[in-house]
Amino acid sequence: VLLSALNKSTAHAKRLGGATGTMLRFGNLEIIAHRCMQNETKPTHSKALLEIWEMQSNTGPQKRFQGWMFADTHSLSNLEHAVYDIQLIGCQQMDLSNQ
């Protein structure tokens, strides 16, 4: 999965990428991509099944998002958060032949 992450308070932006099932971190967010599906003819029509948790020291982990995120329609299903903005860019194929 390939994501765009933005901290709206600091204007820090970063691209996050990883295999499905791995945990990605941005600020105090932990993101797990359970599935990522890319349309072969239209890569911008990718969708990913994501789970996003916010780690808070005073209240513990809080689930902030769970569901499908779409690369071509960010407003349809997105993380609504005061500080963070996470958007799906697409799915990337990992080349495991050199490992």
PDB file of N, CA and C in Angstrom:
ATOM      1  N   VAL A   1       0.853  -1.176   0.000  1.00  0.00           N
ATOM      2  CA  VAL A   1       0.000   0.000   0.000  1.00  0.00           C
ATOM      3  C   VAL A   1       0.896   1.235   0.000  1.00  0.00           C
ATOM      4  N   LEU A   2       0.442   2.283  -0.647  1.00  0.00           N
ATOM      5  CA  LEU A   2       1.173   3.540  -0.690  1.00  0.00           C
ATOM      6  C   LEU A   2       0.223   4.653  -0.244  1.00  0.00           C
ATOM      7  N   LEU A   3       0.619   5.353   0.821  1.00  0.00           N
ATOM      8  CA  LEU A   3      -0.225   6.377   1.427  1.00  0.00           C
ATOM      9  C   LEU A   3       0.480   7.722   1.456  1.00  0.00           C
ATOM     10  N   SER A   4      -0.314   8.762   1.485  1.00  0.00           N
ATOM     11  CA  SER A   4       0.172  10.118   1.706  1.00  0.00           C
ATOM     12  C   SER A   4      -0.285  10.520   3.108  1.00  0.00           C
ATOM     13  N   ALA A   5       0.657  10.960   3.939  1.00  0.00           N
ATOM     14  CA  ALA A   5       0.334  11.340   5.309  1.00  0.00           C
ATOM     15  C   ALA A   5       0.717  12.796   5.532  1.00  0.00           C
ATOM     16  N   LEU A   6      -0.137  13.528   6.221  1.00  0.00           N
ATOM     17  CA  LEU A   6       0.094  14.941   6.494  1.00  0.00           C
ATOM     18  C   LEU A   6      -0.256  15.248   7.939  1.00  0.00           C
ATOM     19  N   ASN A   7       0.661  15.925   8.624  1.00  0.00           N
ATOM     20  CA  ASN A   7       0.370  16.485   9.935  1.00  0.00           C
ATOM     21  C   ASN A   7      -0.024  17.935   9.671  1.00  0.00           C
ATOM     22  N   LYS A   8      -1.289  18.250   9.857  1.00  0.00           N
ATOM     23  CA  LYS A   8      -1.805  19.575   9.526  1.00  0.00           C
ATOM     24  C   LYS A   8      -1.289  20.656  10.471  1.00  0.00           C
ATOM     25  N   SER A   9      -0.848  20.297  11.653  1.00  0.00           N
ATOM     26  CA  SER A   9      -0.314  21.281  12.610  1.00  0.00           C
ATOM     27  C   SER A   9       1.093  21.727  12.260  1.00  0.00           C
ATOM     28  N   THR A  10       1.918  20.780  11.806  1.00  0.00           N
ATOM     29  CA  THR A  10       3.319  21.088  11.521  1.00  0.00           C
ATOM     30  C   THR A  10       3.624  21.185  10.032  1.00  0.00           C
ATOM     31  N   ALA A  11       2.670  20.828   9.184  1.00  0.00           N
ATOM     32  CA  ALA A  11       2.830  20.787   7.725  1.00  0.00           C
ATOM     33  C   ALA A  11       3.850  19.732   7.297  1.00  0.00           C
ATOM     34  N   HIS A  12       4.125  18.758   8.168  1.00  0.00           N
ATOM     35  CA  HIS A  12       5.031  17.656   7.824  1.00  0.00           C
ATOM     36  C   HIS A  12       4.260  16.653   6.975  1.00  0.00           C
ATOM     37  N   ALA A  13       4.749  16.399   5.769  1.00  0.00           N
ATOM     38  CA  ALA A  13       4.126  15.439   4.863  1.00  0.00           C
ATOM     39  C   ALA A  13       5.108  14.318   4.569  1.00  0.00           C
ATOM     40  N   LYS A  14       4.560  13.124   4.371  1.00  0.00           N
ATOM     41  CA  LYS A  14       5.408  11.967   4.135  1.00  0.00           C
ATOM     42  C   LYS A  14       4.620  10.931   3.341  1.00  0.00           C
ATOM     43  N   ARG A  15       5.344  10.191   2.509  1.00  0.00           N
ATOM     44  CA  ARG A  15       4.745   9.040   1.837  1.00  0.00           C
ATOM     45  C   ARG A  15       5.086   7.806   2.646  1.00  0.00           C
ATOM     46  N   LEU A  16       4.085   6.975   2.878  1.00  0.00           N
ATOM     47  CA  LEU A  16       4.268   5.734   3.619  1.00  0.00           C
ATOM     48  C   LEU A  16       3.980   4.570   2.690  1.00  0.00           C
ATOM     49  N   GLY A  17       4.798   3.558   2.744  1.00  0.00           N
ATOM     50  CA  GLY A  17       4.577   2.373   1.927  1.00  0.00           C
ATOM     51  C   GLY A  17       4.948   1.120   2.662  1.00  0.00           C
ATOM     52  N   GLY A  18       4.203   0.070   2.415  1.00  0.00           N
ATOM     53  CA  GLY A  18       4.503  -1.201   3.050  1.00  0.00           C
ATOM     54  C   GLY A  18       3.602  -2.302   2.540  1.00  0.00           C
ATOM     55  N   ALA A  19       3.962  -3.508   2.857  1.00  0.00           N
ATOM     56  CA  ALA A  19       3.181  -4.679   2.459  1.00  0.00           C
ATOM     57  C   ALA A  19       1.921  -4.780   3.322  1.00  0.00           C
ATOM     58  N   THR A  20       0.911  -5.418   2.787  1.00  0.00           N
ATOM     59  CA  THR A  20      -0.305  -5.622   3.573  1.00  0.00           C
ATOM     60  C   THR A  20       0.032  -6.461   4.799  1.00  0.00           C
ATOM     61  N   GLY A  21      -0.617  -6.133   5.884  1.00  0.00           N
ATOM     62  CA  GLY A  21      -0.391  -6.838   7.136  1.00  0.00           C
ATOM     63  C   GLY A  21       0.679  -6.222   8.015  1.00  0.00           C
ATOM     64  N   THR A  22       1.483  -5.316   7.474  1.00  0.00           N
ATOM     65  CA  THR A  22       2.496  -4.657   8.281  1.00  0.00           C
ATOM     66  C   THR A  22       1.945  -3.358   8.865  1.00  0.00           C
ATOM     67  N   MET A  23       2.574  -2.903   9.922  1.00  0.00           N
ATOM     68  CA  MET A  23       2.141  -1.673  10.565  1.00  0.00           C
ATOM     69  C   MET A  23       2.998  -0.506  10.081  1.00  0.00           C
ATOM     70  N   LEU A  24       2.337   0.549   9.665  1.00  0.00           N
ATOM     71  CA  LEU A  24       3.011   1.785   9.277  1.00  0.00           C
ATOM     72  C   LEU A  24       2.748   2.810  10.367  1.00  0.00           C
ATOM     73  N   ARG A  25       3.724   3.660  10.640  1.00  0.00           N
ATOM     74  CA  ARG A  25       3.578   4.669  11.700  1.00  0.00           C
ATOM     75  C   ARG A  25       3.786   6.062  11.133  1.00  0.00           C
ATOM     76  N   PHE A  26       2.935   6.976  11.588  1.00  0.00           N
ATOM     77  CA  PHE A  26       3.080   8.394  11.269  1.00  0.00           C
ATOM     78  C   PHE A  26       2.604   9.169  12.492  1.00  0.00           C
ATOM     79  N   GLY A  27       3.512   9.934  13.102  1.00  0.00           N
ATOM     80  CA  GLY A  27       3.160  10.617  14.351  1.00  0.00           C
ATOM     81  C   GLY A  27       2.753   9.584  15.383  1.00  0.00           C
ATOM     82  N   ASN A  28       1.609   9.785  16.000  1.00  0.00           N
ATOM     83  CA  ASN A  28       1.126   8.788  16.954  1.00  0.00           C
ATOM     84  C   ASN A  28       0.033   7.895  16.344  1.00  0.00           C
ATOM     85  N   LEU A  29       0.002   7.814  15.004  1.00  0.00           N
ATOM     86  CA  LEU A  29      -0.918   6.922  14.313  1.00  0.00           C
ATOM     87  C   LEU A  29      -0.221   5.620  13.953  1.00  0.00           C
ATOM     88  N   GLU A  30      -0.957   4.524  14.072  1.00  0.00           N
ATOM     89  CA  GLU A  30      -0.511   3.223  13.594  1.00  0.00           C
ATOM     90  C   GLU A  30      -1.516   2.766  12.552  1.00  0.00           C
ATOM     91  N   ILE A  31      -1.029   2.425  11.371  1.00  0.00           N
ATOM     92  CA  ILE A  31      -1.879   2.103  10.232  1.00  0.00           C
ATOM     93  C   ILE A  31      -1.579   0.688   9.768  1.00  0.00           C
ATOM     94  N   ILE A  32      -2.616  -0.111   9.634  1.00  0.00           N
ATOM     95  CA  ILE A  32      -2.478  -1.473   9.117  1.00  0.00           C
ATOM     96  C   ILE A  32      -3.329  -1.580   7.862  1.00  0.00           C
ATOM     97  N   ALA A  33      -2.706  -1.962   6.765  1.00  0.00           N
ATOM     98  CA  ALA A  33      -3.436  -2.213   5.518  1.00  0.00           C
ATOM     99  C   ALA A  33      -3.708  -3.710   5.438  1.00  0.00           C
ATOM    100  N   HIS A  34      -4.975  -4.073   5.492  1.00  0.00           N
ATOM    101  CA  HIS A  34      -5.334  -5.493   5.438  1.00  0.00           C
ATOM    102  C   HIS A  34      -5.393  -6.003   4.001  1.00  0.00           C
ATOM    103  N   ARG A  35      -5.825  -5.139   3.079  1.00  0.00           N
ATOM    104  CA  ARG A  35      -5.878  -5.498   1.662  1.00  0.00           C
ATOM    105  C   ARG A  35      -5.633  -4.255   0.833  1.00  0.00           C
ATOM    106  N   CYS A  36      -5.102  -4.446  -0.356  1.00  0.00           N
ATOM    107  CA  CYS A  36      -4.939  -3.348  -1.303  1.00  0.00           C
ATOM    108  C   CYS A  36      -5.207  -3.909  -2.688  1.00  0.00           C
ATOM    109  N   MET A  37      -6.150  -3.308  -3.375  1.00  0.00           N
ATOM    110  CA  MET A  37      -6.557  -3.795  -4.687  1.00  0.00           C
ATOM    111  C   MET A  37      -6.406  -2.672  -5.703  1.00  0.00           C
ATOM    112  N   GLN A  38      -5.662  -2.969  -6.764  1.00  0.00           N
ATOM    113  CA  GLN A  38      -5.421  -1.974  -7.797  1.00  0.00           C
ATOM    114  C   GLN A  38      -6.047  -2.428  -9.106  1.00  0.00           C
ATOM    115  N   ASN A  39      -6.771  -1.533  -9.738  1.00  0.00           N
ATOM    116  CA  ASN A  39      -7.340  -1.787 -11.051  1.00  0.00           C
ATOM    117  C   ASN A  39      -6.198  -1.749 -12.064  1.00  0.00           C
ATOM    118  N   GLU A  40      -6.000  -2.832 -12.788  1.00  0.00           N
ATOM    119  CA  GLU A  40      -4.873  -2.937 -13.721  1.00  0.00           C
ATOM    120  C   GLU A  40      -4.953  -1.916 -14.847  1.00  0.00           C
ATOM    121  N   THR A  41      -6.142  -1.595 -15.310  1.00  0.00           N
ATOM    122  CA  THR A  41      -6.272  -0.651 -16.424  1.00  0.00           C
ATOM    123  C   THR A  41      -6.331   0.802 -15.956  1.00  0.00           C
ATOM    124  N   LYS A  42      -6.756   1.030 -14.712  1.00  0.00           N
ATOM    125  CA  LYS A  42      -6.834   2.382 -14.166  1.00  0.00           C
ATOM    126  C   LYS A  42      -6.257   2.379 -12.747  1.00  0.00           C
ATOM    127  N   PRO A  43      -4.928   2.526 -12.614  1.00  0.00           N
ATOM    128  CA  PRO A  43      -4.282   2.466 -11.295  1.00  0.00           C
ATOM    129  C   PRO A  43      -4.813   3.486 -10.295  1.00  0.00           C
ATOM    130  N   THR A  44      -5.383   4.581 -10.769  1.00  0.00           N
ATOM    131  CA  THR A  44      -5.922   5.579  -9.831  1.00  0.00           C
ATOM    132  C   THR A  44      -7.207   5.094  -9.159  1.00  0.00           C
ATOM    133  N   HIS A  45      -7.743   3.961  -9.588  1.00  0.00           N
ATOM    134  CA  HIS A  45      -8.960   3.414  -8.989  1.00  0.00           C
ATOM    135  C   HIS A  45      -8.637   2.373  -7.922  1.00  0.00           C
ATOM    136  N   SER A  46      -7.521   2.516  -7.248  1.00  0.00           N
ATOM    137  CA  SER A  46      -7.122   1.587  -6.188  1.00  0.00           C
ATOM    138  C   SER A  46      -7.990   1.770  -4.961  1.00  0.00           C
ATOM    139  N   LYS A  47      -8.066   0.702  -4.171  1.00  0.00           N
ATOM    140  CA  LYS A  47      -8.760   0.775  -2.886  1.00  0.00           C
ATOM    141  C   LYS A  47      -8.017  -0.094  -1.883  1.00  0.00           C
ATOM    142  N   ALA A  48      -8.052   0.337  -0.628  1.00  0.00           N
ATOM    143  CA  ALA A  48      -7.349  -0.395   0.426  1.00  0.00           C
ATOM    144  C   ALA A  48      -8.234  -0.495   1.663  1.00  0.00           C
ATOM    145  N   LEU A  49      -8.190  -1.657   2.292  1.00  0.00           N
ATOM    146  CA  LEU A  49      -8.896  -1.882   3.545  1.00  0.00           C
ATOM    147  C   LEU A  49      -7.917  -1.541   4.669  1.00  0.00           C
ATOM    148  N   LEU A  50      -8.188  -0.426   5.358  1.00  0.00           N
ATOM    149  CA  LEU A  50      -7.263   0.097   6.369  1.00  0.00           C
ATOM    150  C   LEU A  50      -7.871   0.105   7.760  1.00  0.00           C
ATOM    151  N   GLU A  51      -6.984   0.017   8.722  1.00  0.00           N
ATOM    152  CA  GLU A  51      -7.330   0.182  10.131  1.00  0.00           C
ATOM    153  C   GLU A  51      -6.327   1.192  10.691  1.00  0.00           C
ATOM    154  N   ILE A  52      -6.824   2.275  11.281  1.00  0.00           N
ATOM    155  CA  ILE A  52      -5.949   3.332  11.797  1.00  0.00           C
ATOM    156  C   ILE A  52      -6.239   3.545  13.272  1.00  0.00           C
ATOM    157  N   TRP A  53      -5.184   3.445  14.072  1.00  0.00           N
ATOM    158  CA  TRP A  53      -5.269   3.634  15.522  1.00  0.00           C
ATOM    159  C   TRP A  53      -4.460   4.850  15.918  1.00  0.00           C
ATOM    160  N   GLU A  54      -4.956   5.587  16.895  1.00  0.00           N
ATOM    161  CA  GLU A  54      -4.196   6.694  17.470  1.00  0.00           C
ATOM    162  C   GLU A  54      -3.737   6.271  18.855  1.00  0.00           C
ATOM    163  N   MET A  55      -2.423   6.328  19.070  1.00  0.00           N
ATOM    164  CA  MET A  55      -1.847   5.952  20.354  1.00  0.00           C
ATOM    165  C   MET A  55      -1.820   7.180  21.258  1.00  0.00           C
ATOM    166  N   GLN A  56      -2.540   7.097  22.371  1.00  0.00           N
ATOM    167  CA  GLN A  56      -2.602   8.214  23.310  1.00  0.00           C
ATOM    168  C   GLN A  56      -2.138   7.734  24.678  1.00  0.00           C
ATOM    169  N   SER A  57      -1.242   8.511  25.278  1.00  0.00           N
ATOM    170  CA  SER A  57      -0.667   8.086  26.553  1.00  0.00           C
ATOM    171  C   SER A  57      -1.682   8.108  27.688  1.00  0.00           C
ATOM    172  N   ASN A  58      -2.647   9.006  27.639  1.00  0.00           N
ATOM    173  CA  ASN A  58      -3.589   9.110  28.765  1.00  0.00           C
ATOM    174  C   ASN A  58      -4.794   8.183  28.645  1.00  0.00           C
ATOM    175  N   THR A  59      -5.216   7.822  27.443  1.00  0.00           N
ATOM    176  CA  THR A  59      -6.409   6.979  27.304  1.00  0.00           C
ATOM    177  C   THR A  59      -6.143   5.663  26.595  1.00  0.00           C
ATOM    178  N   GLY A  60      -4.921   5.446  26.123  1.00  0.00           N
ATOM    179  CA  GLY A  60      -4.603   4.219  25.400  1.00  0.00           C
ATOM    180  C   GLY A  60      -4.984   4.324  23.933  1.00  0.00           C
ATOM    181  N   PRO A  61      -4.856   3.212  23.204  1.00  0.00           N
ATOM    182  CA  PRO A  61      -5.141   3.225  21.766  1.00  0.00           C
ATOM    183  C   PRO A  61      -6.616   3.515  21.475  1.00  0.00           C
ATOM    184  N   GLN A  62      -6.849   4.368  20.477  1.00  0.00           N
ATOM    185  CA  GLN A  62      -8.205   4.703  20.041  1.00  0.00           C
ATOM    186  C   GLN A  62      -8.316   4.419  18.551  1.00  0.00           C
ATOM    187  N   LYS A  63      -9.298   3.593  18.153  1.00  0.00           N
ATOM    188  CA  LYS A  63      -9.489   3.328  16.727  1.00  0.00           C
ATOM    189  C   LYS A  63     -10.104   4.567  16.093  1.00  0.00           C
ATOM    190  N   ARG A  64      -9.447   5.092  15.045  1.00  0.00           N
ATOM    191  CA  ARG A  64      -9.897   6.314  14.364  1.00  0.00           C
ATOM    192  C   ARG A  64     -10.502   6.043  13.001  1.00  0.00           C
ATOM    193  N   PHE A  65     -10.157   4.903  12.400  1.00  0.00           N
ATOM    194  CA  PHE A  65     -10.706   4.582  11.080  1.00  0.00           C
ATOM    195  C   PHE A  65     -10.614   3.090  10.852  1.00  0.00           C
ATOM    196  N   GLN A  66     -11.660   2.528  10.264  1.00  0.00           N
ATOM    197  CA  GLN A  66     -11.630   1.149   9.799  1.00  0.00           C
ATOM    198  C   GLN A  66     -12.568   1.067   8.608  1.00  0.00           C
ATOM    199  N   GLY A  67     -12.022   0.664   7.468  1.00  0.00           N
ATOM    200  CA  GLY A  67     -12.846   0.526   6.276  1.00  0.00           C
ATOM    201  C   GLY A  67     -12.021   0.686   5.018  1.00  0.00           C
ATOM    202  N   TRP A  68     -12.740   0.794   3.913  1.00  0.00           N
ATOM    203  CA  TRP A  68     -12.094   0.939   2.609  1.00  0.00           C
ATOM    204  C   TRP A  68     -11.796   2.401   2.344  1.00  0.00           C
ATOM    205  N   MET A  69     -10.589   2.677   1.871  1.00  0.00           N
ATOM    206  CA  MET A  69     -10.182   4.005   1.449  1.00  0.00           C
ATOM    207  C   MET A  69      -9.918   3.916  -0.063  1.00  0.00           C
ATOM    208  N   PHE A  70     -10.378   4.928  -0.796  1.00  0.00           N
ATOM    209  CA  PHE A  70     -10.300   4.917  -2.251  1.00  0.00           C
ATOM    210  C   PHE A  70      -9.348   6.004  -2.738  1.00  0.00           C
ATOM    211  N   ALA A  71      -8.452   5.645  -3.664  1.00  0.00           N
ATOM    212  CA  ALA A  71      -7.453   6.595  -4.161  1.00  0.00           C
ATOM    213  C   ALA A  71      -8.067   7.684  -5.026  1.00  0.00           C
ATOM    214  N   ASP A  72      -9.122   7.365  -5.747  1.00  0.00           N
ATOM    215  CA  ASP A  72      -9.687   8.337  -6.677  1.00  0.00           C
ATOM    216  C   ASP A  72     -10.786   9.210  -6.064  1.00  0.00           C
ATOM    217  N   THR A  73     -11.302   8.860  -4.927  1.00  0.00           N
ATOM    218  CA  THR A  73     -12.346   9.665  -4.266  1.00  0.00           C
ATOM    219  C   THR A  73     -12.018   9.784  -2.779  1.00  0.00           C
ATOM    220  N   HIS A  74     -11.134  10.707  -2.446  1.00  0.00           N
ATOM    221  CA  HIS A  74     -10.673  10.862  -1.066  1.00  0.00           C
ATOM    222  C   HIS A  74     -11.806  11.251  -0.120  1.00  0.00           C
ATOM    223  N   SER A  75     -12.754  12.009  -0.598  1.00  0.00           N
ATOM    224  CA  SER A  75     -13.822  12.478   0.284  1.00  0.00           C
ATOM    225  C   SER A  75     -14.860  11.404   0.581  1.00  0.00           C
ATOM    226  N   LEU A  76     -14.873  10.327  -0.184  1.00  0.00           N
ATOM    227  CA  LEU A  76     -15.868   9.279   0.018  1.00  0.00           C
ATOM    228  C   LEU A  76     -15.643   8.528   1.321  1.00  0.00           C
ATOM    229  N   SER A  77     -14.413   8.199   1.606  1.00  0.00           N
ATOM    230  CA  SER A  77     -14.095   7.441   2.812  1.00  0.00           C
ATOM    231  C   SER A  77     -12.690   7.827   3.246  1.00  0.00           C
ATOM    232  N   ASN A  78     -12.601   8.671   4.262  1.00  0.00           N
ATOM    233  CA  ASN A  78     -11.287   9.146   4.687  1.00  0.00           C
ATOM    234  C   ASN A  78     -11.205   9.223   6.201  1.00  0.00           C
ATOM    235  N   LEU A  79      -9.998   9.432   6.683  1.00  0.00           N
ATOM    236  CA  LEU A  79      -9.763   9.638   8.103  1.00  0.00           C
ATOM    237  C   LEU A  79     -10.162  11.069   8.450  1.00  0.00           C
ATOM    238  N   GLU A  80     -11.091  11.226   9.371  1.00  0.00           N
ATOM    239  CA  GLU A  80     -11.471  12.556   9.842  1.00  0.00           C
ATOM    240  C   GLU A  80     -10.772  12.786  11.175  1.00  0.00           C
ATOM    241  N   HIS A  81      -9.756  13.646  11.142  1.00  0.00           N
ATOM    242  CA  HIS A  81      -8.943  13.876  12.322  1.00  0.00           C
ATOM    243  C   HIS A  81      -8.508  15.334  12.339  1.00  0.00           C
ATOM    244  N   ALA A  82      -8.424  15.929  13.499  1.00  0.00           N
ATOM    245  CA  ALA A  82      -8.056  17.345  13.616  1.00  0.00           C
ATOM    246  C   ALA A  82      -6.604  17.611  13.233  1.00  0.00           C
ATOM    247  N   VAL A  83      -5.720  16.639  13.434  1.00  0.00           N
ATOM    248  CA  VAL A  83      -4.288  16.848  13.192  1.00  0.00           C
ATOM    249  C   VAL A  83      -3.803  16.140  11.927  1.00  0.00           C
ATOM    250  N   TYR A  84      -4.277  14.939  11.672  1.00  0.00           N
ATOM    251  CA  TYR A  84      -3.718  14.107  10.604  1.00  0.00           C
ATOM    252  C   TYR A  84      -4.655  13.966   9.410  1.00  0.00           C
ATOM    253  N   ASP A  85      -4.028  13.863   8.248  1.00  0.00           N
ATOM    254  CA  ASP A  85      -4.734  13.563   7.009  1.00  0.00           C
ATOM    255  C   ASP A  85      -4.000  12.404   6.349  1.00  0.00           C
ATOM    256  N   ILE A  86      -4.712  11.313   6.118  1.00  0.00           N
ATOM    257  CA  ILE A  86      -4.142  10.134   5.473  1.00  0.00           C
ATOM    258  C   ILE A  86      -4.952   9.877   4.208  1.00  0.00           C
ATOM    259  N   GLN A  87      -4.246   9.731   3.079  1.00  0.00           N
ATOM    260  CA  GLN A  87      -4.917   9.446   1.815  1.00  0.00           C
ATOM    261  C   GLN A  87      -4.218   8.298   1.107  1.00  0.00           C
ATOM    262  N   LEU A  88      -5.008   7.485   0.446  1.00  0.00           N
ATOM    263  CA  LEU A  88      -4.466   6.385  -0.339  1.00  0.00           C
ATOM    264  C   LEU A  88      -3.974   6.917  -1.677  1.00  0.00           C
ATOM    265  N   ILE A  89      -2.738   6.586  -2.023  1.00  0.00           N
ATOM    266  CA  ILE A  89      -2.189   6.916  -3.335  1.00  0.00           C
ATOM    267  C   ILE A  89      -2.413   5.744  -4.282  1.00  0.00           C
ATOM    268  N   GLY A  90      -2.155   4.542  -3.797  1.00  0.00           N
ATOM    269  CA  GLY A  90      -2.361   3.360  -4.631  1.00  0.00           C
ATOM    270  C   GLY A  90      -1.725   2.138  -4.017  1.00  0.00           C
ATOM    271  N   CYS A  91      -1.699   1.099  -4.797  1.00  0.00           N
ATOM    272  CA  CYS A  91      -1.073  -0.163  -4.385  1.00  0.00           C
ATOM    273  C   CYS A  91       0.228  -0.298  -5.160  1.00  0.00           C
ATOM    274  N   GLN A  92       1.216  -0.807  -4.520  1.00  0.00           N
ATOM    275  CA  GLN A  92       2.496  -1.038  -5.192  1.00  0.00           C
ATOM    276  C   GLN A  92       2.840  -2.499  -5.069  1.00  0.00           C
ATOM    277  N   GLN A  93       3.387  -3.052  -6.114  1.00  0.00           N
ATOM    278  CA  GLN A  93       3.820  -4.436  -6.114  1.00  0.00           C
ATOM    279  C   GLN A  93       5.218  -4.524  -5.541  1.00  0.00           C
ATOM    280  N   MET A  94       5.420  -5.434  -4.625  1.00  0.00           N
ATOM    281  CA  MET A  94       6.740  -5.619  -4.015  1.00  0.00           C
ATOM    282  C   MET A  94       7.482  -6.706  -4.805  1.00  0.00           C
ATOM    283  N   ASP A  95       8.702  -6.426  -5.218  1.00  0.00           N
ATOM    284  CA  ASP A  95       9.529  -7.394  -5.924  1.00  0.00           C
ATOM    285  C   ASP A  95      10.334  -8.176  -4.903  1.00  0.00           C
ATOM    286  N   LEU A  96       9.946  -9.435  -4.695  1.00  0.00           N
ATOM    287  CA  LEU A  96      10.617 -10.276  -3.699  1.00  0.00           C
ATOM    288  C   LEU A  96      11.677 -11.189  -4.327  1.00  0.00           C
ATOM    289  N   SER A  97      11.911 -11.078  -5.617  1.00  0.00           N
ATOM    290  CA  SER A  97      12.851 -11.971  -6.304  1.00  0.00           C
ATOM    291  C   SER A  97      14.294 -11.709  -5.912  1.00  0.00           C
ATOM    292  N   ASN A  98      14.637 -10.498  -5.447  1.00  0.00           N
ATOM    293  CA  ASN A  98      16.007 -10.163  -5.090  1.00  0.00           C
ATOM    294  C   ASN A  98      16.295 -10.375  -3.613  1.00  0.00           C
ATOM    295  N   GLN A  99      15.400 -10.935  -2.867  1.00  0.00           N
ATOM    296  CA  GLN A  99      15.617 -11.090  -1.428  1.00  0.00           C
ATOM    297  C   GLN A  99      16.006 -12.507  -1.091  1.00  0.00           C
TER     298      GLN A  99
END
